[in-house]
Amino acid sequence: MKRLSFFISLVLLSSSVMHGMEKGKVPAKIGLSKMKEIADSLEQEGSSLSSPMNITTELATTPYMRCYFTPNIKDAFLNCIANEQEAVRGAWYRFTLYDAARAIVKGIQEKNIAAKIVISSDHREKDFCSALKLILEHGGTVLEIFQQRFAHTQGYYQHMHHKFMIFGRNIENKKLLWTGSWNATGQASNKNCENVMIVDDQEAVANYEKEMVELEKLSTALTVQRCVSQKDHEPNALARDMNGIPRLVSVPPLSSIPPLSTISIPPLNTIPRLEDVLANNNK
């Protein structure tokens, strides 16, 4: 990186000298002498490079880091999924966003990416499973924590409360880590103040990959049939809409309801009187 900074400094200096000469602020003789010094420095430094690609390599190793806060997190997440070329693997306390599931399914279908999600042990008891079921139906893997990490701690560390995703080959062809306070839910996206970071620090990525392996050891794979919760059958339109989940019951359009004029109503004289019905029943 020092070498790259050196080149940039020389280019800026030469630009400054040229500008000074054009404006008459730098005498031509001095300016030409300074430009020769710069050219000699570039030639000397360039000869020490084994390949011109070294500059490109240094540029390519620039760290990638982005920070997001609500309400911009969901769009950033969908963008990362859309850019993925290889695999998405993550652990989520809650994962209910149907749009995120759709984006993952699109990646599976169009780019053959792999998808693996680990969820908490109480997800199916307390929240929607429609998004997870969609991923399963299209070839993704969903794992559910079934045992405590440290059984001897008598209840401590019993909830898997992670919110992270590892993207295998993403923006700038980098392996990225997504982590923060945000659950992939409508509640977190629309009602909470949340934060996330996206980084390409490979040491951090490797540590999260190790954590993912440990979580998989504590998990069991869900099937499409088992990936369902009581909440999926509740007609809570607001909660379903917030998570982008399709409605369970569709209201028929007005055009399908026949007009009142086409409904035949029997005349009153054809309807039996109540006393006649009671008399017949007593016979």
C-alpha atoms as a PDB file:
ATOM      1  CA  MET A   1       0.000   0.000   0.000  1.00  0.00           C
ATOM      2  CA  LYS A   2       2.978   2.329   0.624  1.00  0.00           C
ATOM      3  CA  ARG A   3       4.069   1.841  -2.977  1.00  0.00           C
ATOM      4  CA  LEU A   4       0.611   2.742  -4.246  1.00  0.00           C
ATOM      5  CA  SER A   5       0.612   5.892  -2.079  1.00  0.00           C
ATOM      6  CA  PHE A   6       4.026   6.808  -3.512  1.00  0.00           C
ATOM      7  CA  PHE A   7       2.746   6.641  -7.069  1.00  0.00           C
ATOM      8  CA  ILE A   8      -0.352   8.671  -6.236  1.00  0.00           C
ATOM      9  CA  SER A   9       1.792  11.343  -4.547  1.00  0.00           C
ATOM     10  CA  LEU A  10       4.038  11.647  -7.614  1.00  0.00           C
ATOM     11  CA  VAL A  11       1.077  11.962  -9.954  1.00  0.00           C
ATOM     12  CA  LEU A  12      -0.485  14.677  -7.796  1.00  0.00           C
ATOM     13  CA  LEU A  13       2.847  16.521  -7.574  1.00  0.00           C
ATOM     14  CA  SER A  14       3.355  16.445 -11.336  1.00  0.00           C
ATOM     15  CA  SER A  15      -0.191  17.723 -11.836  1.00  0.00           C
ATOM     16  CA  SER A  16       0.495  20.588  -9.426  1.00  0.00           C
ATOM     17  CA  VAL A  17       3.731  21.532 -11.217  1.00  0.00           C
ATOM     18  CA  MET A  18       2.016  21.500 -14.622  1.00  0.00           C
ATOM     19  CA  HIS A  19      -0.774  23.691 -13.290  1.00  0.00           C
ATOM     20  CA  GLY A  20       1.767  26.149 -11.842  1.00  0.00           C
ATOM     21  CA  MET A  21       3.599  26.386 -15.138  1.00  0.00           C
ATOM     22  CA  GLU A  22       0.381  27.053 -17.027  1.00  0.00           C
ATOM     23  CA  LYS A  23      -0.552  29.875 -14.642  1.00  0.00           C
ATOM     24  CA  GLY A  24       2.941  31.353 -14.720  1.00  0.00           C
ATOM     25  CA  LYS A  25       3.455  30.773 -11.008  1.00  0.00           C
ATOM     26  CA  VAL A  26       6.265  28.274 -11.604  1.00  0.00           C
ATOM     27  CA  PRO A  27       9.124  29.297 -13.976  1.00  0.00           C
ATOM     28  CA  ALA A  28       9.428  26.979 -16.950  1.00  0.00           C
ATOM     29  CA  LYS A  29      13.044  26.072 -16.195  1.00  0.00           C
ATOM     30  CA  ILE A  30      12.252  25.074 -12.597  1.00  0.00           C
ATOM     31  CA  GLY A  31       9.070  23.298 -13.664  1.00  0.00           C
ATOM     32  CA  LEU A  32      10.830  21.222 -16.317  1.00  0.00           C
ATOM     33  CA  SER A  33      13.575  20.341 -13.864  1.00  0.00           C
ATOM     34  CA  LYS A  34      11.002  19.186 -11.276  1.00  0.00           C
ATOM     35  CA  MET A  35       9.126  17.153 -13.883  1.00  0.00           C
ATOM     36  CA  LYS A  36      12.409  15.415 -14.816  1.00  0.00           C
ATOM     37  CA  GLU A  37      12.950  14.510 -11.131  1.00  0.00           C
ATOM     38  CA  ILE A  38       9.437  13.056 -10.975  1.00  0.00           C
ATOM     39  CA  ALA A  39       9.993  11.055 -14.179  1.00  0.00           C
ATOM     40  CA  ASP A  40      13.284   9.682 -12.827  1.00  0.00           C
ATOM     41  CA  SER A  41      11.586   8.680  -9.566  1.00  0.00           C
ATOM     42  CA  LEU A  42       8.776   6.917 -11.441  1.00  0.00           C
ATOM     43  CA  GLU A  43      11.275   5.079 -13.634  1.00  0.00           C
ATOM     44  CA  GLN A  44      13.350   3.994 -10.642  1.00  0.00           C
ATOM     45  CA  GLU A  45      10.343   2.826  -8.650  1.00  0.00           C
ATOM     46  CA  GLY A  46       8.787   1.148 -11.670  1.00  0.00           C
ATOM     47  CA  SER A  47      11.917  -0.897 -12.317  1.00  0.00           C
ATOM     48  CA  SER A  48      11.626  -2.416  -8.832  1.00  0.00           C
ATOM     49  CA  LEU A  49       8.165  -3.794  -9.580  1.00  0.00           C
ATOM     50  CA  SER A  50       8.111  -7.425 -10.605  1.00  0.00           C
ATOM     51  CA  SER A  51       4.863  -6.806 -12.479  1.00  0.00           C
ATOM     52  CA  PRO A  52       2.635  -3.785 -13.231  1.00  0.00           C
ATOM     53  CA  MET A  53      -0.220  -5.823 -11.711  1.00  0.00           C
ATOM     54  CA  ASN A  54       1.132  -5.119  -8.226  1.00  0.00           C
ATOM     55  CA  ILE A  55      -0.742  -1.826  -8.234  1.00  0.00           C
ATOM     56  CA  THR A  56      -3.989  -3.591  -9.125  1.00  0.00           C
ATOM     57  CA  THR A  57      -3.363  -6.171  -6.415  1.00  0.00           C
ATOM     58  CA  GLU A  58      -2.967  -3.495  -3.785  1.00  0.00           C
ATOM     59  CA  LEU A  59      -6.171  -1.820  -4.917  1.00  0.00           C
ATOM     60  CA  ALA A  60      -8.008  -5.166  -4.776  1.00  0.00           C
ATOM     61  CA  THR A  61      -7.004  -5.719  -1.157  1.00  0.00           C
ATOM     62  CA  THR A  62      -8.730  -2.555   0.045  1.00  0.00           C
ATOM     63  CA  PRO A  63     -10.912  -3.581   3.016  1.00  0.00           C
ATOM     64  CA  TYR A  64     -14.673  -3.674   2.455  1.00  0.00           C
ATOM     65  CA  MET A  65     -16.866  -2.432   5.300  1.00  0.00           C
ATOM     66  CA  ARG A  66     -20.397  -1.049   5.324  1.00  0.00           C
ATOM     67  CA  CYS A  67     -22.702  -0.059   8.193  1.00  0.00           C
ATOM     68  CA  TYR A  68     -26.483   0.168   7.970  1.00  0.00           C
ATOM     69  CA  PHE A  69     -29.304   1.219  10.277  1.00  0.00           C
ATOM     70  CA  THR A  70     -33.052   0.853  10.015  1.00  0.00           C
ATOM     71  CA  PRO A  71     -34.912   1.566   7.802  1.00  0.00           C
ATOM     72  CA  ASN A  72     -32.163   0.792   5.249  1.00  0.00           C
ATOM     73  CA  ILE A  73     -31.161  -2.666   6.479  1.00  0.00           C
ATOM     74  CA  LYS A  74     -33.699  -4.796   4.635  1.00  0.00           C
ATOM     75  CA  ASP A  75     -32.796  -3.380   1.201  1.00  0.00           C
ATOM     76  CA  ALA A  76     -29.088  -3.861   1.939  1.00  0.00           C
ATOM     77  CA  PHE A  77     -29.761  -7.493   2.896  1.00  0.00           C
ATOM     78  CA  LEU A  78     -31.744  -8.175  -0.269  1.00  0.00           C
ATOM     79  CA  ASN A  79     -28.961  -6.552  -2.300  1.00  0.00           C
ATOM     80  CA  CYS A  80     -26.354  -8.852  -0.745  1.00  0.00           C
ATOM     81  CA  ILE A  81     -28.481 -11.900  -1.508  1.00  0.00           C
ATOM     82  CA  ALA A  82     -28.998 -10.732  -5.100  1.00  0.00           C
ATOM     83  CA  ASN A  83     -25.213 -10.304  -5.549  1.00  0.00           C
ATOM     84  CA  GLU A  84     -24.304 -13.722  -4.146  1.00  0.00           C
ATOM     85  CA  GLN A  85     -22.662 -16.129  -6.601  1.00  0.00           C
ATOM     86  CA  GLU A  86     -21.838 -19.139  -4.440  1.00  0.00           C
ATOM     87  CA  ALA A  87     -23.555 -19.744  -1.079  1.00  0.00           C
ATOM     88  CA  VAL A  88     -25.431 -18.133   1.796  1.00  0.00           C
ATOM     89  CA  ARG A  89     -25.069 -19.642   5.269  1.00  0.00           C
ATOM     90  CA  GLY A  90     -26.339 -18.088   8.442  1.00  0.00           C
ATOM     91  CA  ALA A  91     -27.773 -18.453  11.917  1.00  0.00           C
ATOM     92  CA  TRP A  92     -30.906 -16.541  12.856  1.00  0.00           C
ATOM     93  CA  TYR A  93     -32.947 -16.281  16.009  1.00  0.00           C
ATOM     94  CA  ARG A  94     -35.843 -15.279  13.749  1.00  0.00           C
ATOM     95  CA  PHE A  95     -36.104 -15.478   9.965  1.00  0.00           C
ATOM     96  CA  THR A  96     -39.568 -14.573   8.672  1.00  0.00           C
ATOM     97  CA  LEU A  97     -39.036 -12.118   5.785  1.00  0.00           C
ATOM     98  CA  TYR A  98     -40.690 -13.641   2.738  1.00  0.00           C
ATOM     99  CA  ASP A  99     -38.876 -11.238   0.389  1.00  0.00           C
ATOM    100  CA  ALA A 100     -35.530 -12.529   1.684  1.00  0.00           C
ATOM    101  CA  ALA A 101     -36.657 -16.119   1.123  1.00  0.00           C
ATOM    102  CA  ARG A 102     -37.773 -15.236  -2.412  1.00  0.00           C
ATOM    103  CA  ALA A 103     -34.370 -13.658  -3.116  1.00  0.00           C
ATOM    104  CA  ILE A 104     -32.584 -16.785  -1.866  1.00  0.00           C
ATOM    105  CA  VAL A 105     -34.832 -19.020  -3.980  1.00  0.00           C
ATOM    106  CA  LYS A 106     -34.073 -16.873  -7.034  1.00  0.00           C
ATOM    107  CA  GLY A 107     -30.361 -17.376  -6.383  1.00  0.00           C
ATOM    108  CA  ILE A 108     -30.876 -21.131  -6.078  1.00  0.00           C
ATOM    109  CA  GLN A 109     -32.817 -21.297  -9.333  1.00  0.00           C
ATOM    110  CA  GLU A 110     -30.777 -18.902 -11.470  1.00  0.00           C
ATOM    111  CA  LYS A 111     -27.219 -19.261 -10.110  1.00  0.00           C
ATOM    112  CA  ASN A 112     -27.370 -22.601  -8.297  1.00  0.00           C
ATOM    113  CA  ILE A 113     -26.211 -21.063  -5.012  1.00  0.00           C
ATOM    114  CA  ALA A 114     -26.312 -23.159  -1.847  1.00  0.00           C
ATOM    115  CA  ALA A 115     -28.464 -21.987   1.054  1.00  0.00           C
ATOM    116  CA  LYS A 116     -28.294 -23.098   4.679  1.00  0.00           C
ATOM    117  CA  ILE A 117     -30.119 -21.459   7.601  1.00  0.00           C
ATOM    118  CA  VAL A 118     -29.875 -22.437  11.288  1.00  0.00           C
ATOM    119  CA  ILE A 119     -32.809 -21.297  13.435  1.00  0.00           C
ATOM    120  CA  SER A 120     -33.461 -21.227  17.166  1.00  0.00           C
ATOM    121  CA  SER A 121     -35.199 -24.101  18.951  1.00  0.00           C
ATOM    122  CA  ASP A 122     -38.357 -22.055  19.632  1.00  0.00           C
ATOM    123  CA  HIS A 123     -38.789 -20.504  16.180  1.00  0.00           C
ATOM    124  CA  ARG A 124     -41.540 -22.908  15.110  1.00  0.00           C
ATOM    125  CA  GLU A 125     -43.369 -22.414  18.405  1.00  0.00           C
ATOM    126  CA  LYS A 126     -43.503 -18.630  18.283  1.00  0.00           C
ATOM    127  CA  ASP A 127     -43.141 -17.260  14.755  1.00  0.00           C
ATOM    128  CA  PHE A 128     -43.950 -17.640  11.076  1.00  0.00           C
ATOM    129  CA  CYS A 129     -42.236 -20.442   9.163  1.00  0.00           C
ATOM    130  CA  SER A 130     -43.545 -19.570   5.686  1.00  0.00           C
ATOM    131  CA  ALA A 131     -40.251 -18.005   4.539  1.00  0.00           C
ATOM    132  CA  LEU A 132     -38.182 -20.950   5.785  1.00  0.00           C
ATOM    133  CA  LYS A 133     -40.591 -23.410   4.184  1.00  0.00           C
ATOM    134  CA  LEU A 134     -40.220 -21.628   0.835  1.00  0.00           C
ATOM    135  CA  ILE A 135     -36.428 -22.059   1.014  1.00  0.00           C
ATOM    136  CA  LEU A 136     -36.847 -25.762   1.844  1.00  0.00           C
ATOM    137  CA  GLU A 137     -39.279 -26.306  -1.017  1.00  0.00           C
ATOM    138  CA  HIS A 138     -36.675 -25.066  -3.496  1.00  0.00           C
ATOM    139  CA  GLY A 139     -33.644 -27.047  -2.355  1.00  0.00           C
ATOM    140  CA  GLY A 140     -32.284 -25.013   0.539  1.00  0.00           C
ATOM    141  CA  THR A 141     -31.447 -26.424   3.978  1.00  0.00           C
ATOM    142  CA  VAL A 142     -33.003 -25.326   7.257  1.00  0.00           C
ATOM    143  CA  LEU A 143     -31.589 -26.639  10.528  1.00  0.00           C
ATOM    144  CA  GLU A 144     -33.176 -26.304  13.968  1.00  0.00           C
ATOM    145  CA  ILE A 145     -31.202 -26.212  17.217  1.00  0.00           C
ATOM    146  CA  PHE A 146     -32.316 -29.223  19.267  1.00  0.00           C
ATOM    147  CA  GLN A 147     -29.870 -29.328  22.169  1.00  0.00           C
ATOM    148  CA  GLN A 148     -28.199 -26.838  24.471  1.00  0.00           C
ATOM    149  CA  ARG A 149     -24.622 -25.932  23.794  1.00  0.00           C
ATOM    150  CA  PHE A 150     -23.491 -26.313  27.389  1.00  0.00           C
ATOM    151  CA  ALA A 151     -25.847 -28.772  29.069  1.00  0.00           C
ATOM    152  CA  HIS A 152     -24.086 -28.472  32.438  1.00  0.00           C
ATOM    153  CA  THR A 153     -24.883 -24.754  32.794  1.00  0.00           C
ATOM    154  CA  GLN A 154     -28.472 -25.397  33.992  1.00  0.00           C
ATOM    155  CA  GLY A 155     -30.301 -23.109  31.592  1.00  0.00           C
ATOM    156  CA  TYR A 156     -27.589 -20.636  30.721  1.00  0.00           C
ATOM    157  CA  TYR A 157     -26.856 -20.077  27.013  1.00  0.00           C
ATOM    158  CA  GLN A 158     -29.995 -21.990  26.100  1.00  0.00           C
ATOM    159  CA  HIS A 159     -31.163 -19.593  23.356  1.00  0.00           C
ATOM    160  CA  MET A 160     -29.345 -19.362  20.037  1.00  0.00           C
ATOM    161  CA  HIS A 161     -29.719 -15.614  19.551  1.00  0.00           C
ATOM    162  CA  HIS A 162     -27.443 -15.066  16.535  1.00  0.00           C
ATOM    163  CA  LYS A 163     -28.180 -12.850  13.549  1.00  0.00           C
ATOM    164  CA  PHE A 164     -25.468 -13.413  10.974  1.00  0.00           C
ATOM    165  CA  MET A 165     -25.003 -14.502   7.384  1.00  0.00           C
ATOM    166  CA  ILE A 166     -21.859 -15.561   5.521  1.00  0.00           C
ATOM    167  CA  PHE A 167     -21.860 -14.780   1.798  1.00  0.00           C
ATOM    168  CA  GLY A 168     -19.465 -17.044  -0.110  1.00  0.00           C
ATOM    169  CA  ARG A 169     -18.656 -14.842  -3.132  1.00  0.00           C
ATOM    170  CA  ASN A 170     -20.339 -11.499  -3.253  1.00  0.00           C
ATOM    171  CA  ILE A 171     -19.627  -7.820  -3.965  1.00  0.00           C
ATOM    172  CA  GLU A 172     -16.193  -7.418  -5.583  1.00  0.00           C
ATOM    173  CA  ASN A 173     -16.033 -11.250  -5.558  1.00  0.00           C
ATOM    174  CA  LYS A 174     -15.341 -11.144  -1.823  1.00  0.00           C
ATOM    175  CA  LYS A 175     -16.459 -13.447   0.950  1.00  0.00           C
ATOM    176  CA  LEU A 176     -18.523 -11.210   3.228  1.00  0.00           C
ATOM    177  CA  LEU A 177     -19.798 -11.383   6.791  1.00  0.00           C
ATOM    178  CA  TRP A 178     -23.158  -9.822   7.681  1.00  0.00           C
ATOM    179  CA  THR A 179     -23.782  -9.371  11.408  1.00  0.00           C
ATOM    180  CA  GLY A 180     -25.532  -7.061  13.843  1.00  0.00           C
ATOM    181  CA  SER A 181     -28.657  -6.695  15.970  1.00  0.00           C
ATOM    182  CA  TRP A 182     -31.169  -7.134  13.131  1.00  0.00           C
ATOM    183  CA  ASN A 183     -33.341 -10.246  12.791  1.00  0.00           C
ATOM    184  CA  ALA A 184     -34.657 -10.958   9.295  1.00  0.00           C
ATOM    185  CA  THR A 185     -38.231 -10.098  10.330  1.00  0.00           C
ATOM    186  CA  GLY A 186     -40.893  -7.532   9.613  1.00  0.00           C
ATOM    187  CA  GLN A 187     -40.812  -6.431  13.247  1.00  0.00           C
ATOM    188  CA  ALA A 188     -37.077  -5.646  13.141  1.00  0.00           C
ATOM    189  CA  SER A 189     -37.350  -3.998   9.721  1.00  0.00           C
ATOM    190  CA  ASN A 190     -40.348  -1.787  10.430  1.00  0.00           C
ATOM    191  CA  LYS A 191     -40.641  -1.198  14.164  1.00  0.00           C
ATOM    192  CA  ASN A 192     -37.198  -1.513  15.756  1.00  0.00           C
ATOM    193  CA  CYS A 193     -34.010   0.564  15.694  1.00  0.00           C
ATOM    194  CA  GLU A 194     -31.387  -1.923  14.486  1.00  0.00           C
ATOM    195  CA  ASN A 195     -27.844  -1.977  13.130  1.00  0.00           C
ATOM    196  CA  VAL A 196     -25.694  -4.239  10.949  1.00  0.00           C
ATOM    197  CA  MET A 197     -22.163  -4.341   9.564  1.00  0.00           C
ATOM    198  CA  ILE A 198     -20.865  -5.985   6.397  1.00  0.00           C
ATOM    199  CA  VAL A 199     -17.135  -6.744   6.427  1.00  0.00           C
ATOM    200  CA  ASP A 200     -14.672  -8.797   4.404  1.00  0.00           C
ATOM    201  CA  ASP A 201     -12.159  -9.319   7.213  1.00  0.00           C
ATOM    202  CA  GLN A 202     -11.186 -12.927   6.559  1.00  0.00           C
ATOM    203  CA  GLU A 203     -10.208 -13.649  10.150  1.00  0.00           C
ATOM    204  CA  ALA A 204     -13.676 -12.571  11.291  1.00  0.00           C
ATOM    205  CA  VAL A 205     -15.301 -14.587   8.493  1.00  0.00           C
ATOM    206  CA  ALA A 206     -13.316 -17.675   9.511  1.00  0.00           C
ATOM    207  CA  ASN A 207     -14.409 -17.339  13.149  1.00  0.00           C
ATOM    208  CA  TYR A 208     -18.056 -17.129  12.121  1.00  0.00           C
ATOM    209  CA  GLU A 209     -17.617 -20.139   9.844  1.00  0.00           C
ATOM    210  CA  LYS A 210     -16.332 -22.100  12.848  1.00  0.00           C
ATOM    211  CA  GLU A 211     -19.353 -20.980  14.851  1.00  0.00           C
ATOM    212  CA  MET A 212     -21.624 -22.132  12.028  1.00  0.00           C
ATOM    213  CA  VAL A 213     -20.032 -25.585  12.138  1.00  0.00           C
ATOM    214  CA  GLU A 214     -20.598 -25.787  15.907  1.00  0.00           C
ATOM    215  CA  LEU A 215     -24.242 -24.784  15.515  1.00  0.00           C
ATOM    216  CA  GLU A 216     -24.794 -27.435  12.861  1.00  0.00           C
ATOM    217  CA  LYS A 217     -23.583 -30.073  15.330  1.00  0.00           C
ATOM    218  CA  LEU A 218     -26.341 -28.980  17.728  1.00  0.00           C
ATOM    219  CA  SER A 219     -29.034 -28.978  15.043  1.00  0.00           C
ATOM    220  CA  THR A 220     -31.311 -31.287  13.143  1.00  0.00           C
ATOM    221  CA  ALA A 221     -32.573 -30.801   9.599  1.00  0.00           C
ATOM    222  CA  LEU A 222     -36.189 -29.756   9.113  1.00  0.00           C
ATOM    223  CA  THR A 223     -38.386 -31.197   6.401  1.00  0.00           C
ATOM    224  CA  VAL A 224     -41.024 -29.252   4.482  1.00  0.00           C
ATOM    225  CA  GLN A 225     -43.737 -31.081   6.431  1.00  0.00           C
ATOM    226  CA  ARG A 226     -42.243 -30.167   9.821  1.00  0.00           C
ATOM    227  CA  CYS A 227     -41.449 -26.560   8.915  1.00  0.00           C
ATOM    228  CA  VAL A 228     -44.752 -25.124  10.072  1.00  0.00           C
ATOM    229  CA  SER A 229     -46.023 -23.234  13.107  1.00  0.00           C
ATOM    230  CA  GLN A 230     -49.344 -22.382  14.656  1.00  0.00           C
ATOM    231  CA  LYS A 231     -48.753 -18.751  13.714  1.00  0.00           C
ATOM    232  CA  ASP A 232     -48.789 -19.698  10.035  1.00  0.00           C
ATOM    233  CA  HIS A 233     -52.492 -20.506  10.429  1.00  0.00           C
ATOM    234  CA  GLU A 234     -53.431 -17.327  12.275  1.00  0.00           C
ATOM    235  CA  PRO A 235     -55.244 -14.762  10.073  1.00  0.00           C
ATOM    236  CA  ASN A 236     -53.161 -11.853  11.382  1.00  0.00           C
ATOM    237  CA  ALA A 237     -53.178  -9.732   8.242  1.00  0.00           C
ATOM    238  CA  LEU A 238     -51.005  -6.944   9.662  1.00  0.00           C
ATOM    239  CA  ALA A 239     -48.223  -9.277  10.831  1.00  0.00           C
ATOM    240  CA  ARG A 240     -48.328 -11.263   7.590  1.00  0.00           C
ATOM    241  CA  ASP A 241     -48.158  -8.096   5.474  1.00  0.00           C
ATOM    242  CA  MET A 242     -45.250  -6.739   7.544  1.00  0.00           C
ATOM    243  CA  ASN A 243     -43.295  -9.913   6.749  1.00  0.00           C
ATOM    244  CA  GLY A 244     -44.444  -9.997   3.127  1.00  0.00           C
ATOM    245  CA  ILE A 245     -46.202 -13.347   3.605  1.00  0.00           C
ATOM    246  CA  PRO A 246     -49.098 -14.046   1.204  1.00  0.00           C
ATOM    247  CA  ARG A 247     -52.551 -13.918   2.738  1.00  0.00           C
ATOM    248  CA  LEU A 248     -54.151 -17.231   3.722  1.00  0.00           C
ATOM    249  CA  VAL A 249     -57.696 -16.172   2.820  1.00  0.00           C
ATOM    250  CA  SER A 250     -58.403 -14.088  -0.267  1.00  0.00           C
ATOM    251  CA  VAL A 251     -61.523 -11.932  -0.410  1.00  0.00           C
ATOM    252  CA  PRO A 252     -63.443 -12.497  -3.674  1.00  0.00           C
ATOM    253  CA  PRO A 253     -63.532  -9.473  -5.986  1.00  0.00           C
ATOM    254  CA  LEU A 254     -66.756  -7.502  -6.216  1.00  0.00           C
ATOM    255  CA  SER A 255     -67.187  -8.572  -9.828  1.00  0.00           C
ATOM    256  CA  SER A 256     -67.685 -12.181  -8.703  1.00  0.00           C
ATOM    257  CA  ILE A 257     -70.639 -11.295  -6.429  1.00  0.00           C
ATOM    258  CA  PRO A 258     -73.949 -11.472  -8.379  1.00  0.00           C
ATOM    259  CA  PRO A 259     -76.055  -8.282  -8.349  1.00  0.00           C
ATOM    260  CA  LEU A 260     -79.134  -8.260  -6.153  1.00  0.00           C
ATOM    261  CA  SER A 261     -81.447  -8.059  -9.194  1.00  0.00           C
ATOM    262  CA  THR A 262     -80.371 -11.512 -10.369  1.00  0.00           C
ATOM    263  CA  ILE A 263     -81.203 -13.223  -7.064  1.00  0.00           C
ATOM    264  CA  SER A 264     -84.743 -14.678  -7.070  1.00  0.00           C
ATOM    265  CA  ILE A 265     -86.706 -14.202  -3.870  1.00  0.00           C
ATOM    266  CA  PRO A 266     -89.786 -16.434  -3.402  1.00  0.00           C
ATOM    267  CA  PRO A 267     -93.107 -14.566  -2.993  1.00  0.00           C
ATOM    268  CA  LEU A 268     -94.435 -14.242   0.545  1.00  0.00           C
ATOM    269  CA  ASN A 269     -97.554 -16.350  -0.130  1.00  0.00           C
ATOM    270  CA  THR A 270     -95.368 -19.394  -0.837  1.00  0.00           C
ATOM    271  CA  ILE A 271     -93.630 -19.265   2.540  1.00  0.00           C
ATOM    272  CA  PRO A 272     -95.479 -21.476   5.109  1.00  0.00           C
ATOM    273  CA  ARG A 273     -96.868 -19.789   8.225  1.00  0.00           C
ATOM    274  CA  LEU A 274     -95.257 -20.617  11.548  1.00  0.00           C
ATOM    275  CA  GLU A 275     -98.515 -21.864  13.085  1.00  0.00           C
ATOM    276  CA  ASP A 276     -99.029 -24.314  10.199  1.00  0.00           C
ATOM    277  CA  VAL A 277     -95.509 -25.689  10.675  1.00  0.00           C
ATOM    278  CA  LEU A 278     -96.111 -26.158  14.424  1.00  0.00           C
ATOM    279  CA  ALA A 279     -99.485 -27.828  13.805  1.00  0.00           C
ATOM    280  CA  ASN A 280     -97.951 -30.304  11.385  1.00  0.00           C
ATOM    281  CA  ASN A 281     -95.179 -31.134  13.841  1.00  0.00           C
ATOM    282  CA  ASN A 282     -97.736 -31.957  16.568  1.00  0.00           C
ATOM    283  CA  LYS A 283     -99.629 -34.454  14.415  1.00  0.00           C
END
